[in-house]
C-alpha atoms as a PDB file:
ATOM      1  CA  UNK A   1     107.515  76.290  79.708  1.00  0.00           C
ATOM      2  CA  UNK A   2     106.985  75.995  83.125  1.00  0.00           C
ATOM      3  CA  UNK A   3     108.907  73.059  85.243  1.00  0.00           C
ATOM      4  CA  UNK A   4     107.736  70.249  85.482  1.00  0.00           C
ATOM      5  CA  UNK A   5     107.936  70.477  89.800  1.00  0.00           C
ATOM      6  CA  UNK A   6     105.562  73.176  89.329  1.00  0.00           C
ATOM      7  CA  UNK A   7     102.641  70.534  88.282  1.00  0.00           C
ATOM      8  CA  UNK A   8     103.139  68.295  91.912  1.00  0.00           C
ATOM      9  CA  UNK A   9     101.064  69.934  94.255  1.00  0.00           C
ATOM     10  CA  UNK A  10     103.792  71.322  96.956  1.00  0.00           C
ATOM     11  CA  UNK A  11     103.142  71.073 100.927  1.00  0.00           C
ATOM     12  CA  UNK A  12     104.322  74.026 102.477  1.00  0.00           C
ATOM     13  CA  UNK A  13     106.818  72.986 105.082  1.00  0.00           C
ATOM     14  CA  UNK A  14     106.853  74.023 108.158  1.00  0.00           C
ATOM     15  CA  UNK A  15     107.367  77.415 109.543  1.00  0.00           C
ATOM     16  CA  UNK A  16     109.119  76.266 113.089  1.00  0.00           C
ATOM     17  CA  UNK A  17     110.947  73.646 110.422  1.00  0.00           C
ATOM     18  CA  UNK A  18     113.783  75.752 110.373  1.00  0.00           C
ATOM     19  CA  UNK A  19     116.030  77.398 113.001  1.00  0.00           C
ATOM     20  CA  UNK A  20     115.173  81.449 113.348  1.00  0.00           C
ATOM     21  CA  UNK A  21     117.629  83.987 114.603  1.00  0.00           C
ATOM     22  CA  UNK A  22     114.464  86.855 115.397  1.00  0.00           C
ATOM     23  CA  UNK A  23     111.494  87.314 114.903  1.00  0.00           C
ATOM     24  CA  UNK A  24     109.392  84.665 113.116  1.00  0.00           C
ATOM     25  CA  UNK A  25     107.521  85.734 109.526  1.00  0.00           C
ATOM     26  CA  UNK A  26     103.540  86.136 109.188  1.00  0.00           C
ATOM     27  CA  UNK A  27     103.128  82.767 108.347  1.00  0.00           C
ATOM     28  CA  UNK A  28     100.528  83.796 105.015  1.00  0.00           C
ATOM     29  CA  UNK A  29     104.593  85.757 103.512  1.00  0.00           C
ATOM     30  CA  UNK A  30     105.936  82.055 104.839  1.00  0.00           C
ATOM     31  CA  UNK A  31     103.444  80.614 102.277  1.00  0.00           C
ATOM     32  CA  UNK A  32     104.045  82.320  98.994  1.00  0.00           C
ATOM     33  CA  UNK A  33     107.858  82.785  99.712  1.00  0.00           C
ATOM     34  CA  UNK A  34     107.546  78.509  99.514  1.00  0.00           C
ATOM     35  CA  UNK A  35     105.597  78.378  96.396  1.00  0.00           C
ATOM     36  CA  UNK A  36     108.415  81.108  93.971  1.00  0.00           C
ATOM     37  CA  UNK A  37     112.004  79.535  96.059  1.00  0.00           C
ATOM     38  CA  UNK A  38     111.036  75.803  96.045  1.00  0.00           C
ATOM     39  CA  UNK A  39     114.494  74.148  95.585  1.00  0.00           C
ATOM     40  CA  UNK A  40     115.922  76.891  98.474  1.00  0.00           C
ATOM     41  CA  UNK A  41     114.179  75.184 101.377  1.00  0.00           C
ATOM     42  CA  UNK A  42     115.950  72.686 101.107  1.00  0.00           C
ATOM     43  CA  UNK A  43     119.459  74.935 101.936  1.00  0.00           C
ATOM     44  CA  UNK A  44     121.448  74.434 105.758  1.00  0.00           C
ATOM     45  CA  UNK A  45     121.375  76.912 107.705  1.00  0.00           C
ATOM     46  CA  UNK A  46     119.998  79.928 110.469  1.00  0.00           C
ATOM     47  CA  UNK A  47     116.715  81.934 108.546  1.00  0.00           C
ATOM     48  CA  UNK A  48     116.374  85.562 108.935  1.00  0.00           C
ATOM     49  CA  UNK A  49     113.681  87.646 107.763  1.00  0.00           C
ATOM     50  CA  UNK A  50     115.528  90.811 107.261  1.00  0.00           C
ATOM     51  CA  UNK A  51     114.049  93.989 108.785  1.00  0.00           C
ATOM     52  CA  UNK A  52     115.945  97.991 107.788  1.00  0.00           C
ATOM     53  CA  UNK A  53     118.389  97.411 110.405  1.00  0.00           C
ATOM     54  CA  UNK A  54     119.597  94.425 108.607  1.00  0.00           C
ATOM     55  CA  UNK A  55     119.755  95.687 105.891  1.00  0.00           C
ATOM     56  CA  UNK A  56     122.167  98.533 107.217  1.00  0.00           C
ATOM     57  CA  UNK A  57     124.383  95.977 108.817  1.00  0.00           C
ATOM     58  CA  UNK A  58     124.857  92.660 106.463  1.00  0.00           C
ATOM     59  CA  UNK A  59     123.050  93.579 102.799  1.00  0.00           C
ATOM     60  CA  UNK A  60     124.886  91.966 101.491  1.00  0.00           C
ATOM     61  CA  UNK A  61     127.281  94.010  98.506  1.00  0.00           C
ATOM     62  CA  UNK A  62     124.294  95.361  96.400  1.00  0.00           C
ATOM     63  CA  UNK A  63     123.204  97.977  99.332  1.00  0.00           C
ATOM     64  CA  UNK A  64     124.956 101.545  99.569  1.00  0.00           C
ATOM     65  CA  UNK A  65     124.526 103.557 102.241  1.00  0.00           C
ATOM     66  CA  UNK A  66     125.504 107.050 101.004  1.00  0.00           C
ATOM     67  CA  UNK A  67     125.581 110.784 102.854  1.00  0.00           C
ATOM     68  CA  UNK A  68     123.297 108.668 105.739  1.00  0.00           C
ATOM     69  CA  UNK A  69     120.672 107.544 102.903  1.00  0.00           C
ATOM     70  CA  UNK A  70     120.683 103.524 101.872  1.00  0.00           C
ATOM     71  CA  UNK A  71     120.190 102.505  98.807  1.00  0.00           C
ATOM     72  CA  UNK A  72     119.662  98.982  96.204  1.00  0.00           C
ATOM     73  CA  UNK A  73     121.113  98.623  92.953  1.00  0.00           C
ATOM     74  CA  UNK A  74     119.554  96.763  90.661  1.00  0.00           C
ATOM     75  CA  UNK A  75     120.299  98.136  87.255  1.00  0.00           C
ATOM     76  CA  UNK A  76     119.827 101.698  89.028  1.00  0.00           C
ATOM     77  CA  UNK A  77     120.486 102.812  91.962  1.00  0.00           C
ATOM     78  CA  UNK A  78     116.861 102.525  94.028  1.00  0.00           C
ATOM     79  CA  UNK A  79     116.630 104.799  97.721  1.00  0.00           C
ATOM     80  CA  UNK A  80     115.337 102.230 101.115  1.00  0.00           C
ATOM     81  CA  UNK A  81     113.017 103.965 103.629  1.00  0.00           C
ATOM     82  CA  UNK A  82     111.246 102.403 106.751  1.00  0.00           C
ATOM     83  CA  UNK A  83     107.833 102.303 105.582  1.00  0.00           C
ATOM     84  CA  UNK A  84     105.511 104.665 107.328  1.00  0.00           C
ATOM     85  CA  UNK A  85     102.036 104.972 109.226  1.00  0.00           C
ATOM     86  CA  UNK A  86     100.370 104.718 104.901  1.00  0.00           C
ATOM     87  CA  UNK A  87     102.390 102.125 103.773  1.00  0.00           C
ATOM     88  CA  UNK A  88     101.256  99.934 107.129  1.00  0.00           C
ATOM     89  CA  UNK A  89      97.783 100.923 105.828  1.00  0.00           C
ATOM     90  CA  UNK A  90      98.196  99.258 101.792  1.00  0.00           C
ATOM     91  CA  UNK A  91     100.155  96.755 103.068  1.00  0.00           C
ATOM     92  CA  UNK A  92      96.734  95.338 104.721  1.00  0.00           C
ATOM     93  CA  UNK A  93      95.044  95.844 102.153  1.00  0.00           C
ATOM     94  CA  UNK A  94      96.751  93.413  99.929  1.00  0.00           C
ATOM     95  CA  UNK A  95      96.603  91.205 102.881  1.00  0.00           C
ATOM     96  CA  UNK A  96      92.900  90.729 102.582  1.00  0.00           C
ATOM     97  CA  UNK A  97      92.359  86.711 101.815  1.00  0.00           C
ATOM     98  CA  UNK A  98      94.540  83.323 102.411  1.00  0.00           C
ATOM     99  CA  UNK A  99      97.495  84.511  99.868  1.00  0.00           C
ATOM    100  CA  UNK A 100      98.977  87.671 100.403  1.00  0.00           C
ATOM    101  CA  UNK A 101      98.054  89.401  96.275  1.00  0.00           C
ATOM    102  CA  UNK A 102      99.351  92.559  95.088  1.00  0.00           C
ATOM    103  CA  UNK A 103      97.801  96.439  95.136  1.00  0.00           C
ATOM    104  CA  UNK A 104      99.071 100.073  94.214  1.00  0.00           C
ATOM    105  CA  UNK A 105      96.999 103.570  94.291  1.00  0.00           C
ATOM    106  CA  UNK A 106      98.205 106.896  93.140  1.00  0.00           C
ATOM    107  CA  UNK A 107      99.527 109.273  93.672  1.00  0.00           C
ATOM    108  CA  UNK A 108      99.852 113.262  92.729  1.00  0.00           C
ATOM    109  CA  UNK A 109     101.793 115.931  93.369  1.00  0.00           C
ATOM    110  CA  UNK A 110     100.024 119.087  92.194  1.00  0.00           C
ATOM    111  CA  UNK A 111     101.901 122.942  90.974  1.00  0.00           C
ATOM    112  CA  UNK A 112      99.589 124.402  94.077  1.00  0.00           C
ATOM    113  CA  UNK A 113     101.380 121.500  96.901  1.00  0.00           C
ATOM    114  CA  UNK A 114      98.142 119.812  97.506  1.00  0.00           C
ATOM    115  CA  UNK A 115      97.891 116.025  96.834  1.00  0.00           C
ATOM    116  CA  UNK A 116      95.604 114.036  94.843  1.00  0.00           C
ATOM    117  CA  UNK A 117      95.104 110.518  95.807  1.00  0.00           C
ATOM    118  CA  UNK A 118      92.995 107.524  93.316  1.00  0.00           C
ATOM    119  CA  UNK A 119      91.816 104.801  94.776  1.00  0.00           C
ATOM    120  CA  UNK A 120      93.082 101.641  96.096  1.00  0.00           C
ATOM    121  CA  UNK A 121      93.509  99.041  92.948  1.00  0.00           C
ATOM    122  CA  UNK A 122      93.910  95.600  93.712  1.00  0.00           C
ATOM    123  CA  UNK A 123      95.975  94.193  90.725  1.00  0.00           C
ATOM    124  CA  UNK A 124      99.416  93.776  89.365  1.00  0.00           C
ATOM    125  CA  UNK A 125     101.331  96.528  88.052  1.00  0.00           C
ATOM    126  CA  UNK A 126     103.119  94.345  85.872  1.00  0.00           C
ATOM    127  CA  UNK A 127     101.005  92.087  84.173  1.00  0.00           C
ATOM    128  CA  UNK A 128      99.812  93.513  81.344  1.00  0.00           C
ATOM    129  CA  UNK A 129      95.992  93.659  81.301  1.00  0.00           C
ATOM    130  CA  UNK A 130      96.276  95.315  84.254  1.00  0.00           C
ATOM    131  CA  UNK A 131      98.386  98.923  82.759  1.00  0.00           C
ATOM    132  CA  UNK A 132      94.684  99.555  81.362  1.00  0.00           C
ATOM    133  CA  UNK A 133      93.785  99.530  84.645  1.00  0.00           C
ATOM    134  CA  UNK A 134      96.974 102.132  85.656  1.00  0.00           C
ATOM    135  CA  UNK A 135      96.437 104.448  82.509  1.00  0.00           C
ATOM    136  CA  UNK A 136      92.541 104.996  83.402  1.00  0.00           C
ATOM    137  CA  UNK A 137      93.453 106.114  87.587  1.00  0.00           C
ATOM    138  CA  UNK A 138      95.903 108.063  85.951  1.00  0.00           C
ATOM    139  CA  UNK A 139      93.903 109.849  83.206  1.00  0.00           C
ATOM    140  CA  UNK A 140      90.753 109.822  86.075  1.00  0.00           C
ATOM    141  CA  UNK A 141      93.549 111.883  88.513  1.00  0.00           C
ATOM    142  CA  UNK A 142      93.994 114.296  85.198  1.00  0.00           C
ATOM    143  CA  UNK A 143      91.080 114.835  84.815  1.00  0.00           C
ATOM    144  CA  UNK A 144      90.514 116.300  88.595  1.00  0.00           C
ATOM    145  CA  UNK A 145      93.629 118.815  88.034  1.00  0.00           C
ATOM    146  CA  UNK A 146      92.079 119.984  84.510  1.00  0.00           C
ATOM    147  CA  UNK A 147      88.135 120.521  87.124  1.00  0.00           C
ATOM    148  CA  UNK A 148      90.238 122.124  89.679  1.00  0.00           C
ATOM    149  CA  UNK A 149      92.614 123.950  86.956  1.00  0.00           C
ATOM    150  CA  UNK A 150      95.966 122.832  88.814  1.00  0.00           C
ATOM    151  CA  UNK A 151      98.903 120.749  86.566  1.00  0.00           C
ATOM    152  CA  UNK A 152     100.979 118.294  87.573  1.00  0.00           C
ATOM    153  CA  UNK A 153     104.231 118.126  89.609  1.00  0.00           C
ATOM    154  CA  UNK A 154     104.315 114.328  90.363  1.00  0.00           C
ATOM    155  CA  UNK A 155     102.996 110.910  90.141  1.00  0.00           C
ATOM    156  CA  UNK A 156     103.710 108.515  92.736  1.00  0.00           C
ATOM    157  CA  UNK A 157     102.500 104.480  91.222  1.00  0.00           C
ATOM    158  CA  UNK A 158     103.019 102.772  94.948  1.00  0.00           C
ATOM    159  CA  UNK A 159     102.637  99.752  95.228  1.00  0.00           C
ATOM    160  CA  UNK A 160     102.713  96.284  97.524  1.00  0.00           C
ATOM    161  CA  UNK A 161     105.130  93.323  97.225  1.00  0.00           C
ATOM    162  CA  UNK A 162     103.859  90.689  99.584  1.00  0.00           C
ATOM    163  CA  UNK A 163     107.001  88.789  99.604  1.00  0.00           C
ATOM    164  CA  UNK A 164     109.472  88.516 102.364  1.00  0.00           C
ATOM    165  CA  UNK A 165     112.961  89.320 102.227  1.00  0.00           C
ATOM    166  CA  UNK A 166     114.480  85.951 104.069  1.00  0.00           C
ATOM    167  CA  UNK A 167     119.188  85.867 104.236  1.00  0.00           C
ATOM    168  CA  UNK A 168     119.915  81.988 104.831  1.00  0.00           C
ATOM    169  CA  UNK A 169     123.261  81.793 107.219  1.00  0.00           C
ATOM    170  CA  UNK A 170     125.773  78.913 107.130  1.00  0.00           C
ATOM    171  CA  UNK A 171     128.725  79.272 108.267  1.00  0.00           C
ATOM    172  CA  UNK A 172     130.216  82.697 107.803  1.00  0.00           C
ATOM    173  CA  UNK A 173     128.258  83.113 103.751  1.00  0.00           C
ATOM    174  CA  UNK A 174     125.003  84.695 103.837  1.00  0.00           C
ATOM    175  CA  UNK A 175     122.028  84.108 100.913  1.00  0.00           C
ATOM    176  CA  UNK A 176     119.700  86.613 100.775  1.00  0.00           C
ATOM    177  CA  UNK A 177     115.835  87.673  98.759  1.00  0.00           C
ATOM    178  CA  UNK A 178     115.319  90.550  98.238  1.00  0.00           C
ATOM    179  CA  UNK A 179     112.445  92.222  97.498  1.00  0.00           C
ATOM    180  CA  UNK A 180     113.466  95.855  96.095  1.00  0.00           C
ATOM    181  CA  UNK A 181     111.771  96.826  92.283  1.00  0.00           C
ATOM    182  CA  UNK A 182     111.896  94.041  89.736  1.00  0.00           C
ATOM    183  CA  UNK A 183     112.844  93.968  85.851  1.00  0.00           C
ATOM    184  CA  UNK A 184     109.169  94.630  85.194  1.00  0.00           C
ATOM    185  CA  UNK A 185     108.700  97.355  87.356  1.00  0.00           C
ATOM    186  CA  UNK A 186     111.046  99.638  86.272  1.00  0.00           C
ATOM    187  CA  UNK A 187     110.208  98.505  82.123  1.00  0.00           C
ATOM    188  CA  UNK A 188     106.306  99.901  83.440  1.00  0.00           C
ATOM    189  CA  UNK A 189     107.765 102.713  84.556  1.00  0.00           C
ATOM    190  CA  UNK A 190     109.576 104.174  80.972  1.00  0.00           C
ATOM    191  CA  UNK A 191     106.561 102.510  79.563  1.00  0.00           C
ATOM    192  CA  UNK A 192     105.109 105.507  81.491  1.00  0.00           C
ATOM    193  CA  UNK A 193     107.344 107.727  81.780  1.00  0.00           C
ATOM    194  CA  UNK A 194     107.876 108.268  77.628  1.00  0.00           C
ATOM    195  CA  UNK A 195     103.924 108.995  77.992  1.00  0.00           C
ATOM    196  CA  UNK A 196     103.799 111.533  81.526  1.00  0.00           C
ATOM    197  CA  UNK A 197     104.310 115.132  80.793  1.00  0.00           C
ATOM    198  CA  UNK A 198     105.428 114.897  84.356  1.00  0.00           C
ATOM    199  CA  UNK A 199     108.135 112.885  86.661  1.00  0.00           C
ATOM    200  CA  UNK A 200     107.337 109.430  87.900  1.00  0.00           C
ATOM    201  CA  UNK A 201     107.846 107.801  91.178  1.00  0.00           C
ATOM    202  CA  UNK A 202     108.085 104.483  91.674  1.00  0.00           C
ATOM    203  CA  UNK A 203     107.177 102.489  95.010  1.00  0.00           C
ATOM    204  CA  UNK A 204     107.362  99.319  95.928  1.00  0.00           C
ATOM    205  CA  UNK A 205     106.685  98.108  99.765  1.00  0.00           C
ATOM    206  CA  UNK A 206     107.488  95.101 101.880  1.00  0.00           C
ATOM    207  CA  UNK A 207     106.194  93.665 105.015  1.00  0.00           C
ATOM    208  CA  UNK A 208     109.919  93.930 105.713  1.00  0.00           C
ATOM    209  CA  UNK A 209     108.942  97.396 106.806  1.00  0.00           C
ATOM    210  CA  UNK A 210     110.677  98.278 104.269  1.00  0.00           C
ATOM    211  CA  UNK A 211     110.851 100.116 100.840  1.00  0.00           C
ATOM    212  CA  UNK A 212     112.608 100.714  97.713  1.00  0.00           C
ATOM    213  CA  UNK A 213     112.207 103.632  95.235  1.00  0.00           C
ATOM    214  CA  UNK A 214     113.462 105.057  92.548  1.00  0.00           C
ATOM    215  CA  UNK A 215     112.297 108.516  90.313  1.00  0.00           C
ATOM    216  CA  UNK A 216     112.656 109.199  86.469  1.00  0.00           C
ATOM    217  CA  UNK A 217     112.588 113.387  86.110  1.00  0.00           C
ATOM    218  CA  UNK A 218     110.821 114.958  83.795  1.00  0.00           C
ATOM    219  CA  UNK A 219     111.078 114.945  79.688  1.00  0.00           C
ATOM    220  CA  UNK A 220     109.824 117.554  77.304  1.00  0.00           C
ATOM    221  CA  UNK A 221     109.510 115.888  74.265  1.00  0.00           C
ATOM    222  CA  UNK A 222     106.717 113.107  75.931  1.00  0.00           C
ATOM    223  CA  UNK A 223     103.787 111.485  74.353  1.00  0.00           C
ATOM    224  CA  UNK A 224      99.573 112.056  76.087  1.00  0.00           C
ATOM    225  CA  UNK A 225      98.418 108.708  77.597  1.00  0.00           C
END
């Protein structure tokens, strides 16, 4: 059941109302962050828009630096990487309109080393009705691979998380709002992985310049989609 506060008109507090350590975030993303985290907007302290180097420096106990790579622990160990040009382009697609929204695309690696990509789809990957869109996109790519008489070795499900990663500093302590692969993302991955004949790589891209990754490995007892 929704709390009563969600039915009360909400006015986003000005981003300039808060003290920022470093650059301020995008105003549209700030509005979305405020809608999701209303109760924390009254916290005293200094706000920081976190980037990859910030996570390395003071990301907290949920972040692990191992063999030169950064990982985030939330149910599984998620590989944290910096966004590339392709990631930035996908983020831009989700910034069209007044409120940022999720978009996703599929990319597969084939047995001969080629790449097949789906079109960009504007939908939340974790919403039930949109699972149909994902499955249809997978089937379309599999059909292309069959026509070309090649097999798929790995599927990449790449989607955006248009939410901010914010740290709030009060004295010597920090409160963090992180944006890795969610429980719903991982549940979706399990559903798809049970039905795929190849490995599955989940990727969530954030506007903080970082992305979170988790790979489901190959299985032999698999079902058809």
